[in-house]
Amino acid sequence: MITVKASHKIFTCTEVASLTGICTGHLQNLVKRHRLGFISRTGTLENHAEQWLFTSHDLMVLAMLFQPCAH
């Protein structure tokens, strides 16, 4: 069971990985395949960064459907 604050609405990829036990590499493959989460693009045109963000619903789906990584 995962317990988070009710006020915590958006989770980063690192937070989801630490809460679910799924490594970031597998997590990014899973969310692309199952269309979970969304990408936030920040920065300027020359130097932009993409970050995967997840809602509490996405976190619940990941925790229920996928096992933590064994490696």
PDB file of N, CA and C in Angstrom:
ATOM      1  N   MET A   1       0.840  -1.171   0.000  1.00  0.00           N
ATOM      2  CA  MET A   1       0.000   0.000   0.000  1.00  0.00           C
ATOM      3  C   MET A   1       0.888   1.238   0.000  1.00  0.00           C
ATOM      4  N   ILE A   2       0.504   2.218  -0.793  1.00  0.00           N
ATOM      5  CA  ILE A   2       1.242   3.472  -0.883  1.00  0.00           C
ATOM      6  C   ILE A   2       0.425   4.561  -0.205  1.00  0.00           C
ATOM      7  N   THR A   3       1.064   5.299   0.676  1.00  0.00           N
ATOM      8  CA  THR A   3       0.398   6.395   1.372  1.00  0.00           C
ATOM      9  C   THR A   3       1.048   7.710   0.978  1.00  0.00           C
ATOM     10  N   VAL A   4       0.243   8.635   0.485  1.00  0.00           N
ATOM     11  CA  VAL A   4       0.729   9.973   0.121  1.00  0.00           C
ATOM     12  C   VAL A   4      -0.221  11.014   0.709  1.00  0.00           C
ATOM     13  N   LYS A   5       0.255  12.238   0.813  1.00  0.00           N
ATOM     14  CA  LYS A   5      -0.570  13.331   1.314  1.00  0.00           C
ATOM     15  C   LYS A   5      -1.674  13.646   0.306  1.00  0.00           C
ATOM     16  N   ALA A   6      -2.829  14.025   0.787  1.00  0.00           N
ATOM     17  CA  ALA A   6      -3.944  14.370  -0.089  1.00  0.00           C
ATOM     18  C   ALA A   6      -3.635  15.603  -0.932  1.00  0.00           C
ATOM     19  N   SER A   7      -2.784  16.479  -0.417  1.00  0.00           N
ATOM     20  CA  SER A   7      -2.443  17.692  -1.153  1.00  0.00           C
ATOM     21  C   SER A   7      -1.409  17.443  -2.251  1.00  0.00           C
ATOM     22  N   HIS A   8      -0.782  16.282  -2.239  1.00  0.00           N
ATOM     23  CA  HIS A   8       0.236  15.946  -3.237  1.00  0.00           C
ATOM     24  C   HIS A   8      -0.472  15.438  -4.489  1.00  0.00           C
ATOM     25  N   LYS A   9      -0.570  16.278  -5.511  1.00  0.00           N
ATOM     26  CA  LYS A   9      -1.344  15.966  -6.714  1.00  0.00           C
ATOM     27  C   LYS A   9      -0.500  15.461  -7.875  1.00  0.00           C
ATOM     28  N   ILE A  10       0.731  15.964  -7.994  1.00  0.00           N
ATOM     29  CA  ILE A  10       1.599  15.627  -9.118  1.00  0.00           C
ATOM     30  C   ILE A  10       2.889  15.011  -8.582  1.00  0.00           C
ATOM     31  N   PHE A  11       3.336  13.929  -9.238  1.00  0.00           N
ATOM     32  CA  PHE A  11       4.541  13.219  -8.821  1.00  0.00           C
ATOM     33  C   PHE A  11       5.532  13.181  -9.975  1.00  0.00           C
ATOM     34  N   THR A  12       6.812  13.322  -9.657  1.00  0.00           N
ATOM     35  CA  THR A  12       7.866  13.220 -10.672  1.00  0.00           C
ATOM     36  C   THR A  12       8.204  11.750 -10.889  1.00  0.00           C
ATOM     37  N   CYS A  13       8.982  11.499 -11.916  1.00  0.00           N
ATOM     38  CA  CYS A  13       9.386  10.131 -12.239  1.00  0.00           C
ATOM     39  C   CYS A  13      10.195   9.515 -11.096  1.00  0.00           C
ATOM     40  N   THR A  14      11.058  10.292 -10.472  1.00  0.00           N
ATOM     41  CA  THR A  14      11.871   9.780  -9.355  1.00  0.00           C
ATOM     42  C   THR A  14      11.012   9.452  -8.151  1.00  0.00           C
ATOM     43  N   GLU A  15      10.023  10.282  -7.868  1.00  0.00           N
ATOM     44  CA  GLU A  15       9.126  10.018  -6.741  1.00  0.00           C
ATOM     45  C   GLU A  15       8.309   8.751  -6.980  1.00  0.00           C
ATOM     46  N   VAL A  16       7.804   8.577  -8.192  1.00  0.00           N
ATOM     47  CA  VAL A  16       7.025   7.381  -8.512  1.00  0.00           C
ATOM     48  C   VAL A  16       7.902   6.140  -8.431  1.00  0.00           C
ATOM     49  N   ALA A  17       9.135   6.238  -8.909  1.00  0.00           N
ATOM     50  CA  ALA A  17      10.051   5.104  -8.851  1.00  0.00           C
ATOM     51  C   ALA A  17      10.337   4.709  -7.406  1.00  0.00           C
ATOM     52  N   SER A  18      10.523   5.674  -6.531  1.00  0.00           N
ATOM     53  CA  SER A  18      10.811   5.345  -5.131  1.00  0.00           C
ATOM     54  C   SER A  18       9.561   4.822  -4.415  1.00  0.00           C
ATOM     55  N   LEU A  19       8.379   5.310  -4.782  1.00  0.00           N
ATOM     56  CA  LEU A  19       7.144   4.848  -4.140  1.00  0.00           C
ATOM     57  C   LEU A  19       6.723   3.457  -4.610  1.00  0.00           C
ATOM     58  N   THR A  20       6.900   3.163  -5.894  1.00  0.00           N
ATOM     59  CA  THR A  20       6.434   1.885  -6.440  1.00  0.00           C
ATOM     60  C   THR A  20       7.502   0.802  -6.455  1.00  0.00           C
ATOM     61  N   GLY A  21       8.770   1.193  -6.452  1.00  0.00           N
ATOM     62  CA  GLY A  21       9.849   0.212  -6.533  1.00  0.00           C
ATOM     63  C   GLY A  21      10.204  -0.166  -7.961  1.00  0.00           C
ATOM     64  N   ILE A  22       9.604   0.503  -8.931  1.00  0.00           N
ATOM     65  CA  ILE A  22       9.908   0.264 -10.343  1.00  0.00           C
ATOM     66  C   ILE A  22      11.041   1.201 -10.733  1.00  0.00           C
ATOM     67  N   CYS A  23      12.112   0.662 -11.324  1.00  0.00           N
ATOM     68  CA  CYS A  23      13.242   1.518 -11.690  1.00  0.00           C
ATOM     69  C   CYS A  23      12.815   2.495 -12.787  1.00  0.00           C
ATOM     70  N   THR A  24      13.540   3.602 -12.913  1.00  0.00           N
ATOM     71  CA  THR A  24      13.144   4.660 -13.836  1.00  0.00           C
ATOM     72  C   THR A  24      13.162   4.202 -15.296  1.00  0.00           C
ATOM     73  N   GLY A  25      14.084   3.328 -15.642  1.00  0.00           N
ATOM     74  CA  GLY A  25      14.133   2.810 -17.013  1.00  0.00           C
ATOM     75  C   GLY A  25      12.885   2.016 -17.364  1.00  0.00           C
ATOM     76  N   HIS A  26      12.510   1.089 -16.494  1.00  0.00           N
ATOM     77  CA  HIS A  26      11.292   0.315 -16.727  1.00  0.00           C
ATOM     78  C   HIS A  26      10.051   1.188 -16.625  1.00  0.00           C
ATOM     79  N   LEU A  27      10.072   2.141 -15.726  1.00  0.00           N
ATOM     80  CA  LEU A  27       8.932   3.028 -15.540  1.00  0.00           C
ATOM     81  C   LEU A  27       8.651   3.820 -16.810  1.00  0.00           C
ATOM     82  N   GLN A  28       9.672   4.363 -17.423  1.00  0.00           N
ATOM     83  CA  GLN A  28       9.473   5.144 -18.645  1.00  0.00           C
ATOM     84  C   GLN A  28       8.976   4.265 -19.788  1.00  0.00           C
ATOM     85  N   ASN A  29       9.455   3.020 -19.874  1.00  0.00           N
ATOM     86  CA  ASN A  29       8.953   2.101 -20.893  1.00  0.00           C
ATOM     87  C   ASN A  29       7.487   1.755 -20.652  1.00  0.00           C
ATOM     88  N   LEU A  30       7.118   1.532 -19.392  1.00  0.00           N
ATOM     89  CA  LEU A  30       5.730   1.196 -19.056  1.00  0.00           C
ATOM     90  C   LEU A  30       4.769   2.327 -19.366  1.00  0.00           C
ATOM     91  N   VAL A  31       5.144   3.550 -18.999  1.00  0.00           N
ATOM     92  CA  VAL A  31       4.227   4.668 -19.203  1.00  0.00           C
ATOM     93  C   VAL A  31       4.065   5.014 -20.678  1.00  0.00           C
ATOM     94  N   LYS A  32       5.090   4.810 -21.465  1.00  0.00           N
ATOM     95  CA  LYS A  32       4.966   5.038 -22.906  1.00  0.00           C
ATOM     96  C   LYS A  32       4.051   3.992 -23.528  1.00  0.00           C
ATOM     97  N   ARG A  33       4.204   2.736 -23.110  1.00  0.00           N
ATOM     98  CA  ARG A  33       3.417   1.648 -23.663  1.00  0.00           C
ATOM     99  C   ARG A  33       1.951   1.720 -23.237  1.00  0.00           C
ATOM    100  N   HIS A  34       1.705   2.126 -21.987  1.00  0.00           N
ATOM    101  CA  HIS A  34       0.340   2.132 -21.451  1.00  0.00           C
ATOM    102  C   HIS A  34      -0.272   3.528 -21.368  1.00  0.00           C
ATOM    103  N   ARG A  35       0.421   4.529 -21.897  1.00  0.00           N
ATOM    104  CA  ARG A  35      -0.067   5.910 -21.970  1.00  0.00           C
ATOM    105  C   ARG A  35      -0.494   6.461 -20.610  1.00  0.00           C
ATOM    106  N   LEU A  36       0.406   6.354 -19.660  1.00  0.00           N
ATOM    107  CA  LEU A  36       0.194   6.933 -18.335  1.00  0.00           C
ATOM    108  C   LEU A  36       1.105   8.145 -18.191  1.00  0.00           C
ATOM    109  N   GLY A  37       0.733   9.071 -17.332  1.00  0.00           N
ATOM    110  CA  GLY A  37       1.564  10.246 -17.086  1.00  0.00           C
ATOM    111  C   GLY A  37       1.520  11.229 -18.239  1.00  0.00           C
ATOM    112  N   PHE A  38       2.293  12.298 -18.092  1.00  0.00           N
ATOM    113  CA  PHE A  38       2.393  13.302 -19.149  1.00  0.00           C
ATOM    114  C   PHE A  38       3.765  13.936 -19.074  1.00  0.00           C
ATOM    115  N   ILE A  39       4.171  14.556 -20.171  1.00  0.00           N
ATOM    116  CA  ILE A  39       5.496  15.160 -20.272  1.00  0.00           C
ATOM    117  C   ILE A  39       5.384  16.657 -20.060  1.00  0.00           C
ATOM    118  N   SER A  40       6.269  17.193 -19.226  1.00  0.00           N
ATOM    119  CA  SER A  40       6.355  18.630 -19.011  1.00  0.00           C
ATOM    120  C   SER A  40       7.660  19.100 -19.642  1.00  0.00           C
ATOM    121  N   ARG A  41       7.549  20.061 -20.528  1.00  0.00           N
ATOM    122  CA  ARG A  41       8.738  20.614 -21.178  1.00  0.00           C
ATOM    123  C   ARG A  41       9.034  21.977 -20.567  1.00  0.00           C
ATOM    124  N   THR A  42      10.280  22.145 -20.125  1.00  0.00           N
ATOM    125  CA  THR A  42      10.681  23.407 -19.504  1.00  0.00           C
ATOM    126  C   THR A  42      11.943  23.928 -20.179  1.00  0.00           C
ATOM    127  N   GLY A  43      12.227  25.191 -19.961  1.00  0.00           N
ATOM    128  CA  GLY A  43      13.449  25.782 -20.484  1.00  0.00           C
ATOM    129  C   GLY A  43      13.211  26.596 -21.734  1.00  0.00           C
ATOM    130  N   THR A  44      14.300  26.977 -22.387  1.00  0.00           N
ATOM    131  CA  THR A  44      14.232  27.784 -23.604  1.00  0.00           C
ATOM    132  C   THR A  44      14.237  26.885 -24.827  1.00  0.00           C
ATOM    133  N   LEU A  45      14.144  27.483 -25.994  1.00  0.00           N
ATOM    134  CA  LEU A  45      14.147  26.696 -27.232  1.00  0.00           C
ATOM    135  C   LEU A  45      15.467  25.965 -27.444  1.00  0.00           C
ATOM    136  N   GLU A  46      16.571  26.597 -27.078  1.00  0.00           N
ATOM    137  CA  GLU A  46      17.879  25.974 -27.277  1.00  0.00           C
ATOM    138  C   GLU A  46      18.146  24.885 -26.243  1.00  0.00           C
ATOM    139  N   ASN A  47      17.719  25.136 -25.020  1.00  0.00           N
ATOM    140  CA  ASN A  47      18.034  24.224 -23.929  1.00  0.00           C
ATOM    141  C   ASN A  47      16.730  23.844 -23.219  1.00  0.00           C
ATOM    142  N   HIS A  48      16.063  22.819 -23.728  1.00  0.00           N
ATOM    143  CA  HIS A  48      14.809  22.412 -23.099  1.00  0.00           C
ATOM    144  C   HIS A  48      14.967  21.043 -22.448  1.00  0.00           C
ATOM    145  N   ALA A  49      14.236  20.844 -21.391  1.00  0.00           N
ATOM    146  CA  ALA A  49      14.275  19.576 -20.672  1.00  0.00           C
ATOM    147  C   ALA A  49      12.860  19.011 -20.617  1.00  0.00           C
ATOM    148  N   GLU A  50      12.773  17.693 -20.726  1.00  0.00           N
ATOM    149  CA  GLU A  50      11.491  17.017 -20.624  1.00  0.00           C
ATOM    150  C   GLU A  50      11.472  16.230 -19.333  1.00  0.00           C
ATOM    151  N   GLN A  51      10.354  16.266 -18.651  1.00  0.00           N
ATOM    152  CA  GLN A  51      10.222  15.537 -17.399  1.00  0.00           C
ATOM    153  C   GLN A  51       8.862  14.852 -17.384  1.00  0.00           C
ATOM    154  N   TRP A  52       8.859  13.561 -17.035  1.00  0.00           N
ATOM    155  CA  TRP A  52       7.603  12.829 -16.899  1.00  0.00           C
ATOM    156  C   TRP A  52       6.973  13.179 -15.567  1.00  0.00           C
ATOM    157  N   LEU A  53       5.678  13.498 -15.598  1.00  0.00           N
ATOM    158  CA  LEU A  53       4.923  13.795 -14.392  1.00  0.00           C
ATOM    159  C   LEU A  53       3.706  12.875 -14.331  1.00  0.00           C
ATOM    160  N   PHE A  54       3.276  12.542 -13.121  1.00  0.00           N
ATOM    161  CA  PHE A  54       2.199  11.582 -12.933  1.00  0.00           C
ATOM    162  C   PHE A  54       1.172  12.114 -11.944  1.00  0.00           C
ATOM    163  N   THR A  55      -0.085  11.780 -12.183  1.00  0.00           N
ATOM    164  CA  THR A  55      -1.148  12.118 -11.239  1.00  0.00           C
ATOM    165  C   THR A  55      -1.260  11.004 -10.209  1.00  0.00           C
ATOM    166  N   SER A  56      -2.060  11.227  -9.185  1.00  0.00           N
ATOM    167  CA  SER A  56      -2.258  10.187  -8.179  1.00  0.00           C
ATOM    168  C   SER A  56      -2.966   8.980  -8.781  1.00  0.00           C
ATOM    169  N   HIS A  57      -3.796   9.195  -9.795  1.00  0.00           N
ATOM    170  CA  HIS A  57      -4.458   8.083 -10.483  1.00  0.00           C
ATOM    171  C   HIS A  57      -3.428   7.216 -11.207  1.00  0.00           C
ATOM    172  N   ASP A  58      -2.482   7.856 -11.905  1.00  0.00           N
ATOM    173  CA  ASP A  58      -1.411   7.120 -12.585  1.00  0.00           C
ATOM    174  C   ASP A  58      -0.604   6.304 -11.582  1.00  0.00           C
ATOM    175  N   LEU A  59      -0.312   6.900 -10.447  1.00  0.00           N
ATOM    176  CA  LEU A  59       0.452   6.218  -9.397  1.00  0.00           C
ATOM    177  C   LEU A  59      -0.307   4.988  -8.903  1.00  0.00           C
ATOM    178  N   MET A  60      -1.606   5.109  -8.711  1.00  0.00           N
ATOM    179  CA  MET A  60      -2.417   3.994  -8.247  1.00  0.00           C
ATOM    180  C   MET A  60      -2.415   2.855  -9.272  1.00  0.00           C
ATOM    181  N   VAL A  61      -2.562   3.190 -10.545  1.00  0.00           N
ATOM    182  CA  VAL A  61      -2.555   2.179 -11.598  1.00  0.00           C
ATOM    183  C   VAL A  61      -1.211   1.461 -11.649  1.00  0.00           C
ATOM    184  N   LEU A  62      -0.123   2.209 -11.586  1.00  0.00           N
ATOM    185  CA  LEU A  62       1.211   1.601 -11.619  1.00  0.00           C
ATOM    186  C   LEU A  62       1.439   0.684 -10.430  1.00  0.00           C
ATOM    187  N   ALA A  63       1.015   1.106  -9.253  1.00  0.00           N
ATOM    188  CA  ALA A  63       1.221   0.314  -8.049  1.00  0.00           C
ATOM    189  C   ALA A  63       0.392  -0.977  -8.061  1.00  0.00           C
ATOM    190  N   MET A  64      -0.786  -0.920  -8.651  1.00  0.00           N
ATOM    191  CA  MET A  64      -1.663  -2.100  -8.651  1.00  0.00           C
ATOM    192  C   MET A  64      -1.309  -3.091  -9.762  1.00  0.00           C
ATOM    193  N   LEU A  65      -0.881  -2.619 -10.903  1.00  0.00           N
ATOM    194  CA  LEU A  65      -0.689  -3.497 -12.052  1.00  0.00           C
ATOM    195  C   LEU A  65       0.733  -4.023 -12.224  1.00  0.00           C
ATOM    196  N   PHE A  66       1.721  -3.327 -11.723  1.00  0.00           N
ATOM    197  CA  PHE A  66       3.104  -3.694 -11.998  1.00  0.00           C
ATOM    198  C   PHE A  66       3.865  -3.994 -10.725  1.00  0.00           C
ATOM    199  N   GLN A  67       4.679  -5.031 -10.775  1.00  0.00           N
ATOM    200  CA  GLN A  67       5.509  -5.448  -9.639  1.00  0.00           C
ATOM    201  C   GLN A  67       6.769  -4.598  -9.570  1.00  0.00           C
ATOM    202  N   PRO A  68       7.322  -4.422  -8.355  1.00  0.00           N
ATOM    203  CA  PRO A  68       8.606  -3.710  -8.230  1.00  0.00           C
ATOM    204  C   PRO A  68       9.717  -4.487  -8.950  1.00  0.00           C
ATOM    205  N   CYS A  69      10.722  -3.779  -9.401  1.00  0.00           N
ATOM    206  CA  CYS A  69      11.846  -4.411 -10.098  1.00  0.00           C
ATOM    207  C   CYS A  69      12.649  -5.274  -9.110  1.00  0.00           C
ATOM    208  N   ALA A  70      13.157  -6.385  -9.614  1.00  0.00           N
ATOM    209  CA  ALA A  70      13.908  -7.316  -8.777  1.00  0.00           C
ATOM    210  C   ALA A  70      15.424  -7.065  -8.857  1.00  0.00           C
ATOM    211  N   HIS A  71      15.846  -6.216  -9.750  1.00  0.00           N
ATOM    212  CA  HIS A  71      17.298  -5.984  -9.903  1.00  0.00           C
ATOM    213  C   HIS A  71      17.784  -4.824  -9.108  1.00  0.00           C
TER     214      HIS A  71
END
